[in-house]
Amino acid sequence: MEQVRAETKRALTNVAAEGQRHIARYPPQRLTKTGYRRTGTLKRSWSFKVSATGNKLFAEVGSNSNIAPYNKFVQGEQGQRVFMFQGVGWKNIDQLQKMMENDFVKEFEQILRRAVT
């Protein structure tokens, strides 16, 4: 059982790390008419952590940047995103959550298969 727990935590850590890379992968900058240049602050601010409480494991991907609250207009849920950011390839929170859930389920199923054989 301890082996399953260790493998599960490792899988969750891998999924969270990939989630961090996923959300920080930005499309090429196209909005150049304003003269705005990306600073990379938000991209560098994404991080993840995995924690355990009792028999529960948690993974969290987030940003520690003070501009993160405004990021909902670019990478937020479908109803929050500003129109001009919707079709240019920005990854969003909904996609991140679905991707992480699907990836973890696949990993966990493999862990359980190995445990019972």
N, C-alpha and C. Protein backbone atom coordinates (compact mmCIF):
# COMPACT_ATOMS: atom_id res chain seq x y z
N MET A 1 0.81 -1.19 0.00
CA MET A 1 0.00 0.00 0.00
C MET A 1 0.86 1.26 0.00
N GLU A 2 1.98 1.22 0.73
CA GLU A 2 2.88 2.38 0.77
C GLU A 2 3.48 2.66 -0.60
N GLN A 3 3.74 1.59 -1.35
CA GLN A 3 4.26 1.74 -2.72
C GLN A 3 3.24 2.46 -3.60
N VAL A 4 1.98 2.12 -3.47
CA VAL A 4 0.92 2.78 -4.26
C VAL A 4 0.84 4.25 -3.90
N ARG A 5 0.93 4.54 -2.62
CA ARG A 5 0.88 5.94 -2.18
C ARG A 5 2.05 6.74 -2.74
N ALA A 6 3.25 6.17 -2.69
CA ALA A 6 4.44 6.85 -3.21
C ALA A 6 4.33 7.06 -4.72
N GLU A 7 3.89 6.04 -5.44
CA GLU A 7 3.73 6.16 -6.89
C GLU A 7 2.65 7.17 -7.25
N THR A 8 1.58 7.20 -6.45
CA THR A 8 0.50 8.15 -6.69
C THR A 8 0.98 9.58 -6.49
N LYS A 9 1.75 9.80 -5.43
CA LYS A 9 2.28 11.15 -5.19
C LYS A 9 3.23 11.56 -6.31
N ARG A 10 4.05 10.63 -6.77
CA ARG A 10 4.98 10.91 -7.87
C ARG A 10 4.20 11.25 -9.14
N ALA A 11 3.15 10.49 -9.42
CA ALA A 11 2.33 10.75 -10.61
C ALA A 11 1.65 12.11 -10.51
N LEU A 12 1.13 12.43 -9.34
CA LEU A 12 0.46 13.73 -9.15
C LEU A 12 1.46 14.87 -9.31
N THR A 13 2.67 14.68 -8.81
CA THR A 13 3.72 15.69 -8.98
C THR A 13 4.05 15.90 -10.46
N ASN A 14 4.16 14.81 -11.20
CA ASN A 14 4.43 14.91 -12.64
C ASN A 14 3.30 15.62 -13.38
N VAL A 15 2.07 15.30 -13.02
CA VAL A 15 0.91 15.93 -13.66
C VAL A 15 0.88 17.42 -13.34
N ALA A 16 1.16 17.78 -12.10
CA ALA A 16 1.16 19.20 -11.71
C ALA A 16 2.28 19.96 -12.41
N ALA A 17 3.45 19.35 -12.53
CA ALA A 17 4.57 20.00 -13.22
C ALA A 17 4.23 20.22 -14.69
N GLU A 18 3.60 19.24 -15.31
CA GLU A 18 3.19 19.41 -16.71
C GLU A 18 2.10 20.47 -16.80
N GLY A 19 1.22 20.54 -15.81
CA GLY A 19 0.19 21.58 -15.79
C GLY A 19 0.81 22.97 -15.73
N GLN A 20 1.85 23.11 -14.92
CA GLN A 20 2.55 24.40 -14.83
C GLN A 20 3.15 24.76 -16.19
N ARG A 21 3.81 23.80 -16.82
CA ARG A 21 4.40 24.07 -18.14
C ARG A 21 3.32 24.42 -19.15
N HIS A 22 2.19 23.72 -19.08
CA HIS A 22 1.08 23.93 -20.01
C HIS A 22 0.53 25.36 -19.91
N ILE A 23 0.25 25.82 -18.71
CA ILE A 23 -0.39 27.13 -18.53
C ILE A 23 0.60 28.26 -18.82
N ALA A 24 1.90 28.01 -18.69
CA ALA A 24 2.90 29.05 -18.93
C ALA A 24 3.39 29.08 -20.38
N ARG A 25 2.87 28.21 -21.22
CA ARG A 25 3.24 28.20 -22.65
C ARG A 25 2.34 29.17 -23.38
N TYR A 26 2.89 30.29 -23.76
CA TYR A 26 2.09 31.36 -24.36
C TYR A 26 2.26 31.37 -25.87
N PRO A 27 1.22 31.79 -26.59
CA PRO A 27 1.33 31.92 -28.04
C PRO A 27 2.24 33.10 -28.39
N PRO A 28 2.72 33.14 -29.62
CA PRO A 28 3.53 34.29 -30.03
C PRO A 28 2.75 35.59 -29.87
N GLN A 29 3.44 36.64 -29.52
CA GLN A 29 2.78 37.94 -29.34
C GLN A 29 2.36 38.49 -30.69
N ARG A 30 1.08 38.85 -30.80
CA ARG A 30 0.55 39.39 -32.05
C ARG A 30 0.03 40.82 -31.89
N LEU A 31 -0.24 41.22 -30.68
CA LEU A 31 -0.87 42.52 -30.44
C LEU A 31 0.21 43.61 -30.37
N THR A 32 0.76 43.96 -31.50
CA THR A 32 1.88 44.89 -31.51
C THR A 32 1.47 46.33 -31.82
N LYS A 33 0.25 46.59 -32.21
CA LYS A 33 -0.18 47.95 -32.55
C LYS A 33 -0.06 48.90 -31.37
N THR A 34 -0.21 48.40 -30.18
CA THR A 34 -0.16 49.26 -28.98
C THR A 34 1.26 49.54 -28.54
N GLY A 35 2.21 48.79 -29.06
CA GLY A 35 3.59 48.95 -28.62
C GLY A 35 3.91 48.15 -27.36
N TYR A 36 2.93 47.42 -26.85
CA TYR A 36 3.13 46.64 -25.63
C TYR A 36 4.09 45.49 -25.89
N ARG A 37 5.00 45.28 -25.01
CA ARG A 37 5.91 44.14 -25.05
C ARG A 37 5.72 43.34 -23.77
N ARG A 38 5.59 42.05 -23.92
CA ARG A 38 5.45 41.19 -22.75
C ARG A 38 6.70 41.26 -21.89
N THR A 39 6.48 41.24 -20.59
CA THR A 39 7.61 41.26 -19.65
C THR A 39 8.03 39.86 -19.24
N GLY A 40 7.14 38.91 -19.34
CA GLY A 40 7.42 37.55 -18.91
C GLY A 40 7.19 37.33 -17.42
N THR A 41 6.73 38.37 -16.71
CA THR A 41 6.52 38.27 -15.27
C THR A 41 5.50 37.19 -14.94
N LEU A 42 4.35 37.22 -15.60
CA LEU A 42 3.31 36.24 -15.31
C LEU A 42 3.79 34.83 -15.67
N LYS A 43 4.43 34.70 -16.81
CA LYS A 43 4.91 33.39 -17.24
C LYS A 43 5.85 32.78 -16.20
N ARG A 44 6.75 33.60 -15.67
CA ARG A 44 7.70 33.10 -14.67
C ARG A 44 7.06 32.86 -13.31
N SER A 45 5.89 33.42 -13.09
CA SER A 45 5.26 33.33 -11.77
C SER A 45 4.49 32.03 -11.54
N TRP A 46 4.22 31.26 -12.60
CA TRP A 46 3.46 30.03 -12.42
C TRP A 46 4.28 29.01 -11.65
N SER A 47 3.63 28.34 -10.72
CA SER A 47 4.31 27.31 -9.92
C SER A 47 3.30 26.22 -9.58
N PHE A 48 3.78 25.17 -8.96
CA PHE A 48 2.88 24.10 -8.51
C PHE A 48 3.36 23.59 -7.17
N LYS A 49 2.43 22.98 -6.45
CA LYS A 49 2.80 22.29 -5.22
C LYS A 49 1.90 21.08 -5.05
N VAL A 50 2.46 20.07 -4.45
CA VAL A 50 1.72 18.85 -4.12
C VAL A 50 1.84 18.67 -2.62
N SER A 51 0.71 18.42 -1.98
CA SER A 51 0.73 18.24 -0.53
C SER A 51 -0.14 17.04 -0.15
N ALA A 52 0.09 16.54 1.04
CA ALA A 52 -0.66 15.40 1.54
C ALA A 52 -1.22 15.74 2.92
N THR A 53 -2.47 15.35 3.13
CA THR A 53 -3.11 15.48 4.42
C THR A 53 -3.82 14.16 4.69
N GLY A 54 -3.29 13.40 5.63
CA GLY A 54 -3.86 12.08 5.89
C GLY A 54 -3.71 11.21 4.66
N ASN A 55 -4.81 10.66 4.19
CA ASN A 55 -4.80 9.83 2.99
C ASN A 55 -5.13 10.61 1.73
N LYS A 56 -5.19 11.92 1.82
CA LYS A 56 -5.56 12.75 0.67
C LYS A 56 -4.31 13.44 0.11
N LEU A 57 -4.24 13.46 -1.22
CA LEU A 57 -3.19 14.18 -1.92
C LEU A 57 -3.82 15.34 -2.69
N PHE A 58 -3.12 16.47 -2.72
CA PHE A 58 -3.61 17.65 -3.40
C PHE A 58 -2.53 18.19 -4.33
N ALA A 59 -2.93 18.66 -5.50
CA ALA A 59 -2.02 19.35 -6.41
C ALA A 59 -2.62 20.70 -6.74
N GLU A 60 -1.78 21.71 -6.74
CA GLU A 60 -2.25 23.06 -7.03
C GLU A 60 -1.26 23.72 -7.98
N VAL A 61 -1.81 24.30 -9.05
CA VAL A 61 -1.02 25.10 -9.98
C VAL A 61 -1.54 26.52 -9.84
N GLY A 62 -0.63 27.46 -9.62
CA GLY A 62 -1.07 28.84 -9.44
C GLY A 62 0.03 29.83 -9.75
N SER A 63 -0.30 31.09 -9.58
CA SER A 63 0.63 32.17 -9.85
C SER A 63 0.78 33.03 -8.61
N ASN A 64 2.01 33.43 -8.32
CA ASN A 64 2.23 34.31 -7.19
C ASN A 64 2.41 35.76 -7.63
N SER A 65 2.08 36.04 -8.87
CA SER A 65 2.25 37.38 -9.42
C SER A 65 1.10 38.29 -9.01
N ASN A 66 1.41 39.55 -8.77
CA ASN A 66 0.34 40.49 -8.42
C ASN A 66 -0.50 40.85 -9.64
N ILE A 67 -0.10 40.42 -10.83
CA ILE A 67 -0.94 40.66 -12.01
C ILE A 67 -1.84 39.46 -12.31
N ALA A 68 -1.68 38.39 -11.57
CA ALA A 68 -2.48 37.19 -11.82
C ALA A 68 -3.99 37.43 -11.74
N PRO A 69 -4.50 38.27 -10.82
CA PRO A 69 -5.95 38.48 -10.81
C PRO A 69 -6.50 39.04 -12.12
N TYR A 70 -5.69 39.80 -12.84
CA TYR A 70 -6.13 40.35 -14.13
C TYR A 70 -6.02 39.34 -15.24
N ASN A 71 -5.28 38.27 -14.99
CA ASN A 71 -5.06 37.26 -16.01
C ASN A 71 -6.33 36.52 -16.38
N LYS A 72 -7.38 36.63 -15.57
CA LYS A 72 -8.62 35.95 -15.91
C LYS A 72 -9.18 36.44 -17.24
N PHE A 73 -8.80 37.65 -17.65
CA PHE A 73 -9.29 38.18 -18.92
C PHE A 73 -8.59 37.53 -20.11
N VAL A 74 -7.44 36.91 -19.86
CA VAL A 74 -6.69 36.24 -20.91
C VAL A 74 -6.82 34.73 -20.79
N GLN A 75 -6.61 34.18 -19.58
CA GLN A 75 -6.58 32.74 -19.39
C GLN A 75 -7.69 32.23 -18.48
N GLY A 76 -8.68 33.04 -18.20
CA GLY A 76 -9.75 32.64 -17.30
C GLY A 76 -10.76 31.72 -17.94
N GLU A 77 -11.85 31.52 -17.25
CA GLU A 77 -12.92 30.68 -17.76
C GLU A 77 -13.55 31.32 -18.99
N GLN A 78 -14.26 30.54 -19.77
CA GLN A 78 -14.80 30.98 -21.05
C GLN A 78 -15.55 32.31 -20.96
N GLY A 79 -16.39 32.50 -19.98
CA GLY A 79 -17.17 33.72 -19.87
C GLY A 79 -16.39 34.94 -19.44
N GLN A 80 -15.19 34.76 -18.88
CA GLN A 80 -14.39 35.87 -18.38
C GLN A 80 -13.42 36.43 -19.42
N ARG A 81 -13.00 35.59 -20.36
CA ARG A 81 -11.95 36.00 -21.29
C ARG A 81 -12.43 37.08 -22.25
N VAL A 82 -11.59 38.07 -22.45
CA VAL A 82 -11.87 39.15 -23.38
C VAL A 82 -11.80 38.58 -24.79
N PHE A 83 -12.71 39.01 -25.65
CA PHE A 83 -12.85 38.46 -27.00
C PHE A 83 -11.52 38.38 -27.76
N MET A 84 -10.73 39.44 -27.69
CA MET A 84 -9.51 39.46 -28.52
C MET A 84 -8.49 38.40 -28.11
N PHE A 85 -8.64 37.80 -26.92
CA PHE A 85 -7.71 36.76 -26.49
C PHE A 85 -8.24 35.35 -26.74
N GLN A 86 -9.49 35.22 -27.15
CA GLN A 86 -10.09 33.90 -27.24
C GLN A 86 -9.59 33.07 -28.41
N GLY A 87 -9.25 33.70 -29.52
CA GLY A 87 -8.90 32.93 -30.69
C GLY A 87 -7.42 32.91 -31.03
N VAL A 88 -6.55 33.35 -30.14
CA VAL A 88 -5.14 33.44 -30.49
C VAL A 88 -4.28 32.36 -29.86
N GLY A 89 -4.88 31.40 -29.18
CA GLY A 89 -4.12 30.26 -28.69
C GLY A 89 -3.72 30.27 -27.23
N TRP A 90 -4.25 31.20 -26.44
CA TRP A 90 -3.93 31.21 -25.01
C TRP A 90 -4.54 29.99 -24.35
N LYS A 91 -3.76 29.33 -23.52
CA LYS A 91 -4.27 28.23 -22.71
C LYS A 91 -5.10 28.84 -21.59
N ASN A 92 -6.15 28.16 -21.19
CA ASN A 92 -6.95 28.73 -20.10
C ASN A 92 -7.09 27.74 -18.95
N ILE A 93 -7.65 28.24 -17.87
CA ILE A 93 -7.77 27.47 -16.63
C ILE A 93 -8.64 26.24 -16.83
N ASP A 94 -9.74 26.37 -17.59
CA ASP A 94 -10.61 25.21 -17.85
C ASP A 94 -9.83 24.10 -18.53
N GLN A 95 -9.05 24.46 -19.56
CA GLN A 95 -8.26 23.46 -20.27
C GLN A 95 -7.23 22.81 -19.34
N LEU A 96 -6.62 23.62 -18.50
CA LEU A 96 -5.64 23.12 -17.55
C LEU A 96 -6.25 22.09 -16.61
N GLN A 97 -7.40 22.41 -16.05
CA GLN A 97 -8.05 21.51 -15.11
C GLN A 97 -8.42 20.19 -15.78
N LYS A 98 -9.02 20.25 -16.96
CA LYS A 98 -9.41 19.03 -17.67
C LYS A 98 -8.19 18.19 -18.03
N MET A 99 -7.14 18.86 -18.51
CA MET A 99 -5.92 18.16 -18.89
C MET A 99 -5.32 17.43 -17.68
N MET A 100 -5.21 18.14 -16.55
CA MET A 100 -4.62 17.54 -15.35
C MET A 100 -5.46 16.38 -14.85
N GLU A 101 -6.78 16.54 -14.83
CA GLU A 101 -7.65 15.45 -14.39
C GLU A 101 -7.49 14.22 -15.27
N ASN A 102 -7.53 14.41 -16.59
CA ASN A 102 -7.40 13.29 -17.52
C ASN A 102 -6.05 12.61 -17.39
N ASP A 103 -4.98 13.40 -17.30
CA ASP A 103 -3.64 12.82 -17.17
C ASP A 103 -3.49 12.04 -15.87
N PHE A 104 -4.03 12.59 -14.79
CA PHE A 104 -3.89 11.89 -13.51
C PHE A 104 -4.70 10.59 -13.50
N VAL A 105 -5.90 10.61 -14.05
CA VAL A 105 -6.71 9.39 -14.09
C VAL A 105 -5.97 8.29 -14.85
N LYS A 106 -5.37 8.63 -15.98
CA LYS A 106 -4.60 7.64 -16.74
C LYS A 106 -3.45 7.07 -15.92
N GLU A 107 -2.69 7.96 -15.27
CA GLU A 107 -1.56 7.53 -14.44
C GLU A 107 -2.03 6.66 -13.27
N PHE A 108 -3.10 7.07 -12.62
CA PHE A 108 -3.59 6.34 -11.45
C PHE A 108 -4.11 4.96 -11.84
N GLU A 109 -4.78 4.86 -12.98
CA GLU A 109 -5.24 3.55 -13.46
C GLU A 109 -4.07 2.60 -13.67
N GLN A 110 -2.97 3.12 -14.22
CA GLN A 110 -1.78 2.29 -14.43
C GLN A 110 -1.18 1.85 -13.09
N ILE A 111 -1.16 2.76 -12.13
CA ILE A 111 -0.64 2.42 -10.79
C ILE A 111 -1.47 1.31 -10.18
N LEU A 112 -2.78 1.41 -10.28
CA LEU A 112 -3.65 0.38 -9.70
C LEU A 112 -3.51 -0.95 -10.42
N ARG A 113 -3.37 -0.91 -11.75
CA ARG A 113 -3.17 -2.16 -12.50
C ARG A 113 -1.89 -2.87 -12.04
N ARG A 114 -0.82 -2.09 -11.87
CA ARG A 114 0.44 -2.70 -11.42
C ARG A 114 0.31 -3.26 -9.99
N ALA A 115 -0.47 -2.59 -9.16
CA ALA A 115 -0.61 -3.02 -7.77
C ALA A 115 -1.36 -4.33 -7.64
N VAL A 116 -2.28 -4.60 -8.53
CA VAL A 116 -3.09 -5.83 -8.42
C VAL A 116 -2.50 -7.00 -9.19
N THR A 117 -1.46 -6.77 -9.95
CA THR A 117 -0.87 -7.88 -10.71
C THR A 117 0.36 -8.40 -10.02
